[in-house]
Each structure stands twice: as C-alpha cells, then as structure tokens.
C-alpha atoms as a PDB file:
ATOM      1  CA  MET A   1       8.827  11.749 -23.250  1.00  0.00           C
ATOM      2  CA  PRO A   2       6.589   9.830 -20.836  1.00  0.00           C
ATOM      3  CA  THR A   3       2.916  10.655 -20.704  1.00  0.00           C
ATOM      4  CA  PHE A   4       1.009  11.337 -17.438  1.00  0.00           C
ATOM      5  CA  ILE A   5      -2.620  11.702 -16.534  1.00  0.00           C
ATOM      6  CA  MET A   6      -3.450  14.080 -13.700  1.00  0.00           C
ATOM      7  CA  LEU A   7      -6.806  14.145 -11.946  1.00  0.00           C
ATOM      8  CA  THR A   8      -7.541  17.285  -9.969  1.00  0.00           C
ATOM      9  CA  LYS A   9     -10.192  18.092  -7.414  1.00  0.00           C
ATOM     10  CA  LEU A  10     -10.432  21.753  -6.361  1.00  0.00           C
ATOM     11  CA  SER A  11     -11.224  22.566  -2.732  1.00  0.00           C
ATOM     12  CA  PRO A  12     -14.687  24.084  -2.341  1.00  0.00           C
ATOM     13  CA  GLU A  13     -13.194  27.073  -0.497  1.00  0.00           C
ATOM     14  CA  ALA A  14     -11.036  27.920  -3.502  1.00  0.00           C
ATOM     15  CA  VAL A  15     -13.831  28.197  -6.048  1.00  0.00           C
ATOM     16  CA  ARG A  16     -16.495  30.363  -4.599  1.00  0.00           C
ATOM     17  CA  SER A  17     -17.142  32.064  -7.951  1.00  0.00           C
ATOM     18  CA  PRO A  18     -16.712  31.190 -11.631  1.00  0.00           C
ATOM     19  CA  HIS A  19     -13.967  33.835 -11.954  1.00  0.00           C
ATOM     20  CA  ALA A  20     -11.950  32.031  -9.180  1.00  0.00           C
ATOM     21  CA  VAL A  21     -11.497  28.958 -11.475  1.00  0.00           C
ATOM     22  CA  GLU A  22      -9.893  31.175 -14.125  1.00  0.00           C
ATOM     23  CA  VAL A  23      -7.640  32.870 -11.547  1.00  0.00           C
ATOM     24  CA  LEU A  24      -6.542  29.475 -10.139  1.00  0.00           C
ATOM     25  CA  GLU A  25      -5.881  28.085 -13.642  1.00  0.00           C
ATOM     26  CA  GLY A  26      -3.699  31.115 -14.491  1.00  0.00           C
ATOM     27  CA  ARG A  27      -1.630  30.780 -11.281  1.00  0.00           C
ATOM     28  CA  ALA A  28      -1.140  27.007 -11.824  1.00  0.00           C
ATOM     29  CA  LYS A  29      -0.179  27.514 -15.475  1.00  0.00           C
ATOM     30  CA  ARG A  30       2.365  30.219 -14.685  1.00  0.00           C
ATOM     31  CA  ALA A  31       3.891  28.144 -11.912  1.00  0.00           C
ATOM     32  CA  VAL A  32       4.199  25.074 -14.070  1.00  0.00           C
ATOM     33  CA  ASP A  33       5.588  27.039 -17.052  1.00  0.00           C
ATOM     34  CA  ALA A  34       8.208  28.722 -14.789  1.00  0.00           C
ATOM     35  CA  GLU A  35       9.292  25.643 -12.798  1.00  0.00           C
ATOM     36  CA  CYS A  36       8.823  22.902 -15.413  1.00  0.00           C
ATOM     37  CA  PRO A  37       9.571  24.428 -18.857  1.00  0.00           C
ATOM     38  CA  ASP A  38      10.042  20.976 -20.434  1.00  0.00           C
ATOM     39  CA  VAL A  39       6.505  19.875 -19.704  1.00  0.00           C
ATOM     40  CA  GLU A  40       4.211  19.609 -22.782  1.00  0.00           C
ATOM     41  CA  TRP A  41       0.456  19.998 -22.092  1.00  0.00           C
ATOM     42  CA  VAL A  42      -1.460  17.603 -24.347  1.00  0.00           C
ATOM     43  CA  ALA A  43      -5.056  18.086 -23.232  1.00  0.00           C
ATOM     44  CA  SER A  44      -7.324  19.319 -20.489  1.00  0.00           C
ATOM     45  CA  TYR A  45     -10.889  18.329 -19.717  1.00  0.00           C
ATOM     46  CA  ALA A  46     -13.469  19.341 -17.166  1.00  0.00           C
ATOM     47  CA  THR A  47     -15.107  16.134 -15.859  1.00  0.00           C
ATOM     48  CA  LEU A  48     -18.235  14.998 -14.130  1.00  0.00           C
ATOM     49  CA  GLY A  49     -17.591  12.801 -11.179  1.00  0.00           C
ATOM     50  CA  PRO A  50     -15.285  12.740  -8.209  1.00  0.00           C
ATOM     51  CA  TYR A  51     -12.634  14.935  -9.942  1.00  0.00           C
ATOM     52  CA  ASP A  52     -13.081  18.314 -11.503  1.00  0.00           C
ATOM     53  CA  TYR A  53     -10.401  18.120 -14.203  1.00  0.00           C
ATOM     54  CA  LEU A  54      -8.411  15.586 -16.140  1.00  0.00           C
ATOM     55  CA  ASP A  55      -5.116  16.730 -17.671  1.00  0.00           C
ATOM     56  CA  VAL A  56      -2.804  14.895 -20.034  1.00  0.00           C
ATOM     57  CA  PHE A  57       0.816  16.033 -20.156  1.00  0.00           C
ATOM     58  CA  ARG A  58       4.270  14.817 -21.127  1.00  0.00           C
ATOM     59  CA  ALA A  59       7.246  15.260 -18.780  1.00  0.00           C
ATOM     60  CA  PRO A  60      10.818  14.121 -18.968  1.00  0.00           C
ATOM     61  CA  ASP A  61      10.504  11.946 -15.823  1.00  0.00           C
ATOM     62  CA  VAL A  62       8.440  11.030 -12.791  1.00  0.00           C
ATOM     63  CA  ALA A  63      10.204  13.678 -10.682  1.00  0.00           C
ATOM     64  CA  THR A  64       9.017  16.405 -13.038  1.00  0.00           C
ATOM     65  CA  ALA A  65       5.480  14.982 -13.118  1.00  0.00           C
ATOM     66  CA  THR A  66       5.493  15.007  -9.305  1.00  0.00           C
ATOM     67  CA  LYS A  67       6.580  18.558  -9.337  1.00  0.00           C
ATOM     68  CA  VAL A  68       3.725  19.518 -11.698  1.00  0.00           C
ATOM     69  CA  ALA A  69       1.193  17.837  -9.325  1.00  0.00           C
ATOM     70  CA  ALA A  70       2.706  19.658  -6.330  1.00  0.00           C
ATOM     71  CA  LEU A  71       2.538  23.008  -8.092  1.00  0.00           C
ATOM     72  CA  VAL A  72      -1.112  22.472  -9.064  1.00  0.00           C
ATOM     73  CA  ARG A  73      -1.966  21.444  -5.498  1.00  0.00           C
ATOM     74  CA  MET A  74      -0.203  24.424  -4.019  1.00  0.00           C
ATOM     75  CA  THR A  75      -1.360  27.168  -6.437  1.00  0.00           C
ATOM     76  CA  GLY A  76      -4.758  25.720  -7.220  1.00  0.00           C
ATOM     77  CA  HIS A  77      -5.830  24.801  -3.696  1.00  0.00           C
ATOM     78  CA  ALA A  78      -6.511  21.312  -4.976  1.00  0.00           C
ATOM     79  CA  SER A  79      -5.796  17.631  -4.513  1.00  0.00           C
ATOM     80  CA  THR A  80      -4.188  15.746  -7.397  1.00  0.00           C
ATOM     81  CA  GLU A  81      -3.613  12.217  -8.479  1.00  0.00           C
ATOM     82  CA  VAL A  82      -1.030  11.429 -11.229  1.00  0.00           C
ATOM     83  CA  TRP A  83      -0.767   8.220 -13.277  1.00  0.00           C
ATOM     84  CA  ALA A  84       1.825   7.245 -15.744  1.00  0.00           C
ATOM     85  CA  ALA A  85       0.258   6.329 -19.067  1.00  0.00           C
ATOM     86  CA  THR A  86       1.465   4.375 -22.118  1.00  0.00           C
ATOM     87  CA  GLU A  87       0.035   5.047 -25.587  1.00  0.00           C
ATOM     88  CA  TRP A  88      -2.008   2.174 -26.865  1.00  0.00           C
ATOM     89  CA  ASP A  89       0.183   1.303 -29.848  1.00  0.00           C
ATOM     90  CA  ARG A  90       3.312   1.307 -27.715  1.00  0.00           C
ATOM     91  CA  PHE A  91       1.529  -0.926 -25.109  1.00  0.00           C
ATOM     92  CA  ARG A  92       0.507  -3.415 -27.813  1.00  0.00           C
ATOM     93  CA  GLN A  93       4.096  -3.513 -29.080  1.00  0.00           C
ATOM     94  CA  MET A  94       5.449  -4.260 -25.519  1.00  0.00           C
ATOM     95  CA  VAL A  95       2.838  -6.946 -24.923  1.00  0.00           C
ATOM     96  CA  ALA A  96       3.580  -8.526 -28.292  1.00  0.00           C
ATOM     97  CA  THR A  97       7.162  -9.261 -27.095  1.00  0.00           C
ATOM     98  CA  LEU A  98       6.018 -11.200 -24.053  1.00  0.00           C
ATOM     99  CA  PRO A  99       6.168 -15.033 -24.159  1.00  0.00           C
ATOM    100  CA  ASP A 100       2.891 -16.775 -24.859  1.00  0.00           C
ATOM    101  CA  ASP A 101       3.137 -18.908 -21.730  1.00  0.00           C
ATOM    102  CA  VAL A 102       3.687 -16.056 -19.319  1.00  0.00           C
ATOM    103  CA  GLY A 103       1.627 -16.622 -16.182  1.00  0.00           C
ATOM    104  CA  MET A 104       1.029 -20.300 -16.970  1.00  0.00           C
ATOM    105  CA  GLY A 105       1.133 -22.387 -13.813  1.00  0.00           C
ATOM    106  CA  LEU A 106       0.941 -19.364 -11.497  1.00  0.00           C
ATOM    107  CA  VAL A 107      -2.673 -20.141 -10.439  1.00  0.00           C
ATOM    108  CA  SER A 108      -3.292 -23.441  -8.782  1.00  0.00           C
ATOM    109  CA  HIS A 109      -6.761 -25.000  -8.563  1.00  0.00           C
END
C-alpha cells in the first residue's frame, strides 16, 4: 500500500485546553476508523514548527488518503497537507533502473 505523510495544524480556537487535544484526536481517529478501515497508521509525532503534528499512514490509494485528510480537517478543526512518500530502499531501486544519461543535454550553457 502507498505511504503518505500528513502534516496537521490545529486551529487555535479548537485547542483552548490540553484536554481539547485529546478530544479532537479521539474524534478524528473514530472518523478515520469508521470511514477508511483499510488505512494503516504507521506513526504519529508532535512537532515544533509551523505544523503541530506529522502522521505517517498507508492507504490503498490517493482518494483514500484525501479522505483521511478531509476527515482530520473536519473533525479536528485543522488544516492538513498530505504528501505521497516512497520508502528509501524502493526509491533507490527505482532510480537504479534509470539510464545513466538521463537529463544530459537538457541544460544549455
């Protein structure tokens, strides 16, 4: 199954107390479990920076990943950004099959 990275930023109005974070997480988890049962959660991290959370999950397709992001936005009062991700070993295997001269002659000086 394809892997996706989701960055989430909670709205300040939604998290006025520490308990609110737990409530929002529970709502989002229940919604995703109910609507996207094929999704496998791989990891979740709280982050420092422009986003509050980084989640890694596997979904059968882009449509399902989009649905996950929409559910998190709606139930968690958040904004989300989702990226498709390729495991490093698989990426190396894909790149190894590319011709050595790919891109040659594309840049003129």
